């Protein structure tokens, strides 16, 4: 997602609002035995109809969903609806915040059958393991960079393609302050988690004036804009690019440039006061299985799995196996780290200032 987070399909707010409203109406009712409630991005794996059906067949547990459109909204839903959710998708850079607020609970890894199959670097990540307790089970990881229309452009060799005057008015850009600053940091050779020169980043972002055709905020919107020719290259998530190509037949390729890209890790956590913790453990284990992942990736498109056995079971030519399985690619990634609130606010102010400059 990042994908991280995302990372996955960020659908229109209206659908999420309706779903959320319906869930809140049920919040005061007794929690049905054999049911779990999952909080996630819409269309991000856990709500695949075939997967929900298969899980119910295997366990007898029904799955209901509620959705969020940002990590901040996810945290707000956990704060304001205690005892409502069982499983929640959290980008690892936010897991510490959720744990510090008491919004999630420790996970019993003895109930996660696929625990031993998880790649140690992701399974044991310090952002998911806090004070000796597992607060999130590594699920998916991926890359934020950009993708391009193969029918309109040749393969870009650099992140500089986003700033190339030849692509003026043809660039799509996600309207997200943190992502914008991090991409500009990569483009200027800085540590994206702790950039040394914000003035350089300010000027790099200002240099996008005239480049950006439109902003986008969801995977669904990205697909529609690419299909309509609104842009020819745009910032994007690796798993979403896979879905755009596999599930929607769009002529797109994802780029991990030599300057690097944003890496992210998503985990599945159990909400504090979860009505069905046993069902939550079972669902997390199923989501981390090769059985689920291989079908999702090959038939729909997905980020990379934290399950090494699942990655190895992908077809030989699969993007996630060939590209993200390449150690040389991994060395070019800078993984998202938690951002102090004051720095996050500074990024937001810089991005708002930049957009105002664009409009002048």
Protein backbone atom coordinates (compact mmCIF):
# COMPACT_ATOMS: atom_id res chain seq x y z
CA UNK A 1 0.00 0.00 0.00
CA UNK A 2 1.28 1.19 1.07
CA UNK A 3 0.52 -0.02 0.01
CA UNK A 4 0.40 1.13 2.10
CA UNK A 5 -0.91 1.18 1.79
CA UNK A 6 -2.13 1.09 0.92
CA UNK A 7 -2.20 -0.10 -0.69
CA UNK A 8 -5.19 -1.49 -2.59
CA UNK A 9 -8.35 -0.19 -4.09
CA UNK A 10 -9.30 3.22 -2.62
CA UNK A 11 -12.87 3.47 -3.94
CA UNK A 12 -15.15 6.49 -3.91
CA UNK A 13 -16.04 7.95 -0.53
CA UNK A 14 -19.74 7.51 -1.11
CA UNK A 15 -19.60 3.72 -1.10
CA UNK A 16 -17.46 3.71 2.02
CA UNK A 17 -19.77 6.19 3.75
CA UNK A 18 -22.84 4.08 3.06
CA UNK A 19 -21.10 0.96 4.31
CA UNK A 20 -19.81 2.79 7.38
CA UNK A 21 -23.23 4.22 8.18
CA UNK A 22 -24.82 0.80 7.96
CA UNK A 23 -22.19 -0.63 10.29
CA UNK A 24 -22.63 2.12 12.85
CA UNK A 25 -26.34 1.40 12.90
CA UNK A 26 -25.48 -2.17 13.89
CA UNK A 27 -22.85 -1.21 16.44
CA UNK A 28 -25.26 -1.38 19.35
CA UNK A 29 -26.64 -4.81 18.50
CA UNK A 30 -25.37 -8.13 19.79
CA UNK A 31 -22.44 -9.51 17.79
CA UNK A 32 -23.56 -12.64 15.95
CA UNK A 33 -21.73 -15.83 16.85
CA UNK A 34 -19.51 -16.97 14.02
CA UNK A 35 -19.17 -13.48 12.47
CA UNK A 36 -16.18 -11.18 12.23
CA UNK A 37 -16.03 -7.55 11.15
CA UNK A 38 -13.07 -6.39 9.11
CA UNK A 39 -11.94 -2.77 8.66
CA UNK A 40 -9.92 -2.24 5.50
CA UNK A 41 -9.53 -0.29 2.26
CA UNK A 42 -12.36 -1.27 -0.08
CA UNK A 43 -11.33 -3.87 -2.66
CA UNK A 44 -8.09 -4.71 -0.86
CA UNK A 45 -8.12 -8.48 -0.78
CA UNK A 46 -10.11 -9.24 2.34
CA UNK A 47 -13.44 -8.48 0.66
CA UNK A 48 -12.90 -10.53 -2.49
CA UNK A 49 -16.24 -12.39 -2.77
CA UNK A 50 -14.63 -15.75 -3.55
CA UNK A 51 -12.24 -15.39 -0.60
CA UNK A 52 -15.00 -14.53 1.87
CA UNK A 53 -17.03 -17.49 0.60
CA UNK A 54 -14.07 -19.87 0.83
CA UNK A 55 -13.24 -18.72 4.37
CA UNK A 56 -16.83 -19.26 5.45
CA UNK A 57 -16.84 -22.73 3.90
CA UNK A 58 -13.65 -23.63 5.76
CA UNK A 59 -14.55 -22.15 9.14
CA UNK A 60 -18.28 -21.44 9.25
CA UNK A 61 -17.41 -17.84 10.12
CA UNK A 62 -19.17 -15.06 8.24
CA UNK A 63 -17.28 -11.90 7.29
CA UNK A 64 -18.64 -8.34 7.28
CA UNK A 65 -16.68 -5.29 6.13
CA UNK A 66 -16.40 -1.61 6.87
CA UNK A 67 -14.04 0.69 4.98
CA UNK A 68 -11.80 3.72 5.41
CA UNK A 69 -10.24 6.17 2.97
CA UNK A 70 -7.16 7.15 4.96
CA UNK A 71 -5.12 5.89 7.89
CA UNK A 72 -6.41 8.81 9.95
CA UNK A 73 -9.99 7.72 9.25
CA UNK A 74 -9.09 4.15 10.22
CA UNK A 75 -7.76 5.32 13.59
CA UNK A 76 -10.86 7.46 14.13
CA UNK A 77 -13.16 4.50 13.48
CA UNK A 78 -11.27 2.40 16.02
CA UNK A 79 -11.46 5.21 18.57
CA UNK A 80 -15.16 5.97 18.13
CA UNK A 81 -16.48 2.42 17.68
CA UNK A 82 -14.86 0.25 20.35
CA UNK A 83 -15.98 -3.36 20.34
CA UNK A 84 -17.17 -3.13 16.73
CA UNK A 85 -14.26 -4.55 14.74
CA UNK A 86 -12.28 -7.77 14.88
CA UNK A 87 -9.61 -7.44 12.18
CA UNK A 88 -8.11 -4.17 10.96
CA UNK A 89 -5.63 -3.52 8.15
CA UNK A 90 -2.91 -1.11 9.33
CA UNK A 91 0.09 0.19 7.44
CA UNK A 92 3.02 -0.72 9.68
CA UNK A 93 4.06 2.91 10.07
CA UNK A 94 0.76 3.47 11.95
CA UNK A 95 0.75 0.26 14.02
CA UNK A 96 2.70 1.92 16.83
CA UNK A 97 0.17 4.76 17.04
CA UNK A 98 -2.72 2.31 17.24
CA UNK A 99 -0.93 0.25 19.90
CA UNK A 100 -0.01 3.32 21.97
CA UNK A 101 -3.66 4.38 22.05
CA UNK A 102 -4.80 0.91 23.08
CA UNK A 103 -6.80 0.49 19.86
CA UNK A 104 -5.38 -2.95 19.05
CA UNK A 105 -4.44 -5.99 21.12
CA UNK A 106 -1.54 -8.48 21.11
CA UNK A 107 -1.81 -11.41 18.73
CA UNK A 108 -1.34 -15.04 19.77
CA UNK A 109 0.99 -16.29 17.05
CA UNK A 110 0.37 -19.91 18.05
CA UNK A 111 -3.02 -19.46 16.37
CA UNK A 112 -1.44 -18.29 13.11
CA UNK A 113 -0.62 -21.49 11.24
CA UNK A 114 1.29 -19.63 8.53
CA UNK A 115 3.49 -17.77 11.01
CA UNK A 116 6.54 -19.89 10.22
CA UNK A 117 6.16 -19.28 6.47
CA UNK A 118 6.42 -15.51 6.81
CA UNK A 119 9.64 -13.86 5.64
CA UNK A 120 11.52 -13.01 8.86
CA UNK A 121 12.34 -9.46 7.72
CA UNK A 122 8.62 -8.68 7.53
CA UNK A 123 7.34 -10.99 10.28
CA UNK A 124 9.81 -9.61 12.83
CA UNK A 125 9.63 -5.97 11.70
CA UNK A 126 10.02 -3.66 14.68
CA UNK A 127 6.98 -1.61 13.66
CA UNK A 128 4.76 -4.70 14.07
CA UNK A 129 6.46 -6.06 17.19
CA UNK A 130 6.18 -3.61 20.06
CA UNK A 131 7.47 -4.10 23.61
CA UNK A 132 7.84 -7.82 23.03
CA UNK A 133 4.29 -8.23 21.74
CA UNK A 134 3.11 -8.96 18.21
CA UNK A 135 0.66 -6.16 17.42
CA UNK A 136 0.35 -6.87 13.71
CA UNK A 137 0.91 -9.88 11.49
CA UNK A 138 2.85 -9.02 8.33
CA UNK A 139 0.53 -9.50 5.36
CA UNK A 140 1.54 -7.59 2.24
CA UNK A 141 4.29 -5.30 1.11
CA UNK A 142 4.74 -3.24 -1.98
CA UNK A 143 6.07 -0.17 -3.67
CA UNK A 144 4.85 3.35 -4.39
CA UNK A 145 6.43 4.78 -7.54
CA UNK A 146 4.78 5.39 -10.91
CA UNK A 147 3.31 3.56 -13.89
CA UNK A 148 3.04 4.54 -17.53
CA UNK A 149 0.87 3.84 -20.57
CA UNK A 150 2.91 1.51 -22.79
CA UNK A 151 0.91 2.56 -25.85
CA UNK A 152 1.88 6.21 -25.39
CA UNK A 153 5.40 6.17 -23.91
CA UNK A 154 8.61 4.22 -23.98
CA UNK A 155 9.93 2.76 -20.75
CA UNK A 156 11.07 5.64 -18.49
CA UNK A 157 14.59 5.16 -17.19
CA UNK A 158 14.35 7.51 -14.25
CA UNK A 159 12.02 9.09 -11.74
CA UNK A 160 12.90 12.24 -13.65
CA UNK A 161 10.25 11.24 -16.22
CA UNK A 162 7.69 12.83 -13.89
CA UNK A 163 9.54 16.15 -14.28
CA UNK A 164 10.58 15.73 -17.94
CA UNK A 165 9.27 18.69 -20.05
CA UNK A 166 8.44 16.14 -22.77
CA UNK A 167 5.72 14.87 -20.43
CA UNK A 168 4.31 18.28 -19.54
CA UNK A 169 0.57 18.09 -18.92
CA UNK A 170 0.62 14.28 -19.05
CA UNK A 171 1.38 13.40 -15.42
CA UNK A 172 -1.08 12.13 -12.82
CA UNK A 173 -0.23 12.72 -9.17
CA UNK A 174 -1.80 11.38 -5.99
CA UNK A 175 -3.04 14.23 -3.80
CA UNK A 176 -1.17 13.13 -0.67
CA UNK A 177 1.28 15.36 1.19
CA UNK A 178 3.51 12.68 2.69
CA UNK A 179 3.80 10.76 -0.57
CA UNK A 180 4.59 13.94 -2.51
CA UNK A 181 7.40 14.91 -0.14
CA UNK A 182 8.82 11.39 -0.10
CA UNK A 183 8.88 11.14 -3.90
CA UNK A 184 10.55 14.53 -4.15
CA UNK A 185 13.09 13.40 -1.55
CA UNK A 186 13.91 10.33 -3.64
CA UNK A 187 14.19 12.47 -6.78
CA UNK A 188 16.68 14.74 -5.03
CA UNK A 189 18.77 11.94 -3.52
CA UNK A 190 17.59 12.38 0.07
CA UNK A 191 16.44 10.05 2.84
CA UNK A 192 12.67 10.08 2.36
CA UNK A 193 12.05 9.38 6.06
CA UNK A 194 14.31 12.20 7.24
CA UNK A 195 15.05 14.63 4.40
CA UNK A 196 17.96 16.93 5.10
CA UNK A 197 16.94 19.87 2.90
CA UNK A 198 13.27 20.75 2.74
CA UNK A 199 13.99 23.80 0.60
CA UNK A 200 15.30 21.55 -2.15
CA UNK A 201 12.15 19.45 -1.85
CA UNK A 202 9.99 22.59 -2.01
CA UNK A 203 11.64 23.62 -5.27
CA UNK A 204 11.41 20.12 -6.70
CA UNK A 205 7.68 19.98 -6.00
CA UNK A 206 7.19 23.46 -7.49
CA UNK A 207 8.91 22.21 -10.63
CA UNK A 208 5.88 19.96 -11.19
CA UNK A 209 3.87 23.03 -12.19
CA UNK A 210 2.84 22.45 -15.78
CA UNK A 211 3.62 18.74 -15.52
CA UNK A 212 0.53 17.59 -13.63
CA UNK A 213 -2.59 17.00 -15.68
CA UNK A 214 -4.76 15.99 -12.75
CA UNK A 215 -4.68 14.73 -9.19
CA UNK A 216 -6.10 11.34 -8.22
CA UNK A 217 -7.08 9.81 -4.88
CA UNK A 218 -8.25 6.21 -5.45
CA UNK A 219 -7.35 3.18 -7.53
CA UNK A 220 -10.74 3.26 -9.20
CA UNK A 221 -10.21 6.91 -10.15
CA UNK A 222 -6.69 6.15 -11.42
CA UNK A 223 -8.02 3.42 -13.73
CA UNK A 224 -10.72 5.69 -15.12
CA UNK A 225 -8.28 8.55 -15.72
CA UNK A 226 -5.76 6.29 -17.41
CA UNK A 227 -8.49 4.71 -19.56
CA UNK A 228 -9.77 8.12 -20.66
CA UNK A 229 -6.29 9.36 -21.56
CA UNK A 230 -6.28 12.02 -18.84
CA UNK A 231 -2.64 11.15 -18.15
CA UNK A 232 0.05 8.94 -19.66
CA UNK A 233 2.13 8.35 -16.56
CA UNK A 234 1.22 8.73 -12.92
CA UNK A 235 2.33 7.94 -9.41
CA UNK A 236 0.87 4.60 -8.32
CA UNK A 237 1.14 1.49 -6.17
CA UNK A 238 2.73 -1.73 -7.43
CA UNK A 239 -0.18 -4.00 -6.50
CA UNK A 240 -2.70 -1.61 -8.01
CA UNK A 241 -0.71 -1.50 -11.23
CA UNK A 242 -0.83 -5.28 -11.29
CA UNK A 243 -4.61 -5.17 -10.92
CA UNK A 244 -4.95 -2.44 -13.56
CA UNK A 245 -3.13 -4.68 -16.00
CA UNK A 246 -4.52 -8.08 -14.95
CA UNK A 247 -8.10 -7.35 -13.98
CA UNK A 248 -8.83 -4.30 -16.16
CA UNK A 249 -6.61 -4.97 -19.17
CA UNK A 250 -4.98 -1.54 -19.15
CA UNK A 251 -1.68 -1.14 -21.05
CA UNK A 252 0.38 -0.14 -18.02
CA UNK A 253 3.77 -1.05 -16.62
CA UNK A 254 5.06 -0.21 -13.17
CA UNK A 255 8.48 1.45 -12.80
CA UNK A 256 10.98 1.12 -9.95
CA UNK A 257 13.56 3.70 -11.03
CA UNK A 258 17.27 3.65 -10.15
CA UNK A 259 16.78 6.55 -7.71
CA UNK A 260 14.60 4.26 -5.62
CA UNK A 261 10.97 4.06 -4.57
CA UNK A 262 8.79 4.05 -1.47
CA UNK A 263 8.48 0.65 0.18
CA UNK A 264 5.66 -0.12 2.57
CA UNK A 265 4.46 -3.01 4.74
CA UNK A 266 0.85 -3.69 5.69
CA UNK A 267 -0.12 -5.81 8.67
CA UNK A 268 -3.34 -7.32 9.95
CA UNK A 269 -4.14 -6.50 13.57
CA UNK A 270 -6.86 -7.44 16.02
CA UNK A 271 -8.88 -4.56 17.43
CA UNK A 272 -9.01 -4.02 21.17
CA UNK A 273 -12.22 -5.49 22.52
CA UNK A 274 -12.72 -7.58 19.38
CA UNK A 275 -16.02 -9.47 19.76
CA UNK A 276 -14.61 -12.57 18.04
CA UNK A 277 -10.83 -12.80 18.63
CA UNK A 278 -10.68 -16.49 17.70
CA UNK A 279 -12.37 -15.75 14.39
CA UNK A 280 -9.98 -12.83 13.91
CA UNK A 281 -6.95 -15.10 14.34
CA UNK A 282 -8.41 -17.61 11.89
CA UNK A 283 -9.09 -14.91 9.31
CA UNK A 284 -5.59 -13.44 9.56
CA UNK A 285 -4.12 -16.90 9.11
CA UNK A 286 -6.28 -17.48 6.01
CA UNK A 287 -5.32 -14.12 4.54
CA UNK A 288 -1.65 -15.01 4.96
CA UNK A 289 -2.04 -18.39 3.26
CA UNK A 290 -0.60 -19.32 -0.13
CA UNK A 291 -4.04 -20.68 -1.03
CA UNK A 292 -5.58 -17.23 -0.82
CA UNK A 293 -2.65 -15.19 -2.08
CA UNK A 294 -1.76 -17.07 -5.26
CA UNK A 295 -5.34 -16.94 -6.53
CA UNK A 296 -5.67 -13.27 -5.66
CA UNK A 297 -2.42 -12.27 -7.34
CA UNK A 298 -2.79 -14.36 -10.49
CA UNK A 299 -6.48 -13.68 -11.15
CA UNK A 300 -6.87 -10.15 -9.81
CA UNK A 301 -3.47 -8.61 -9.03
CA UNK A 302 -1.98 -7.91 -5.64
CA UNK A 303 0.99 -6.48 -3.74
CA UNK A 304 3.75 -8.87 -2.69
CA UNK A 305 3.00 -11.36 0.07
CA UNK A 306 4.89 -11.48 3.34
CA UNK A 307 4.54 -15.28 3.04
CA UNK A 308 7.70 -16.55 1.34
CA UNK A 309 6.02 -19.82 0.39
CA UNK A 310 3.18 -17.94 -1.28
CA UNK A 311 5.63 -15.85 -3.29
CA UNK A 312 7.49 -18.97 -4.38
CA UNK A 313 4.21 -20.54 -5.54
CA UNK A 314 3.49 -17.74 -8.03
CA UNK A 315 3.94 -18.45 -11.76
CA UNK A 316 7.54 -17.99 -12.88
CA UNK A 317 6.79 -14.83 -14.87
CA UNK A 318 4.70 -13.11 -12.18
CA UNK A 319 5.72 -9.48 -11.50
CA UNK A 320 5.83 -9.95 -7.76
CA UNK A 321 8.07 -12.99 -8.11
CA UNK A 322 10.37 -11.66 -10.83
CA UNK A 323 10.65 -7.96 -9.94
CA UNK A 324 9.90 -7.65 -6.24
CA UNK A 325 11.69 -10.93 -5.63
CA UNK A 326 14.89 -9.44 -7.04
CA UNK A 327 17.28 -8.49 -4.19
CA UNK A 328 18.73 -5.69 -6.34
CA UNK A 329 15.28 -4.08 -6.52
CA UNK A 330 14.83 -4.44 -2.78
CA UNK A 331 18.06 -2.55 -2.18
CA UNK A 332 16.63 0.47 -4.01
CA UNK A 333 13.60 0.73 -1.74
CA UNK A 334 13.30 3.01 1.27
CA UNK A 335 10.61 1.64 3.57
CA UNK A 336 8.14 3.98 5.23
CA UNK A 337 8.84 4.72 8.88
CA UNK A 338 6.57 6.38 11.46
CA UNK A 339 6.40 10.15 11.03
CA UNK A 340 6.20 12.47 14.06
CA UNK A 341 3.03 14.53 14.02
CA UNK A 342 4.87 17.85 13.78
CA UNK A 343 6.74 16.64 10.70
CA UNK A 344 3.55 15.31 9.15
CA UNK A 345 1.95 18.73 9.69
CA UNK A 346 4.95 20.43 8.06
CA UNK A 347 4.58 18.16 5.04
CA UNK A 348 0.89 19.02 4.80
CA UNK A 349 1.59 22.75 4.97
CA UNK A 350 4.28 22.46 2.30
CA UNK A 351 1.97 20.50 0.01
CA UNK A 352 -0.88 22.98 0.44
CA UNK A 353 1.53 25.82 -0.31
CA UNK A 354 2.71 23.96 -3.43
CA UNK A 355 -0.81 23.42 -4.73
CA UNK A 356 -1.56 27.09 -4.21
CA UNK A 357 1.53 27.87 -6.29
CA UNK A 358 0.26 25.53 -9.02
CA UNK A 359 -3.03 27.44 -9.15
CA UNK A 360 -1.42 30.87 -9.53
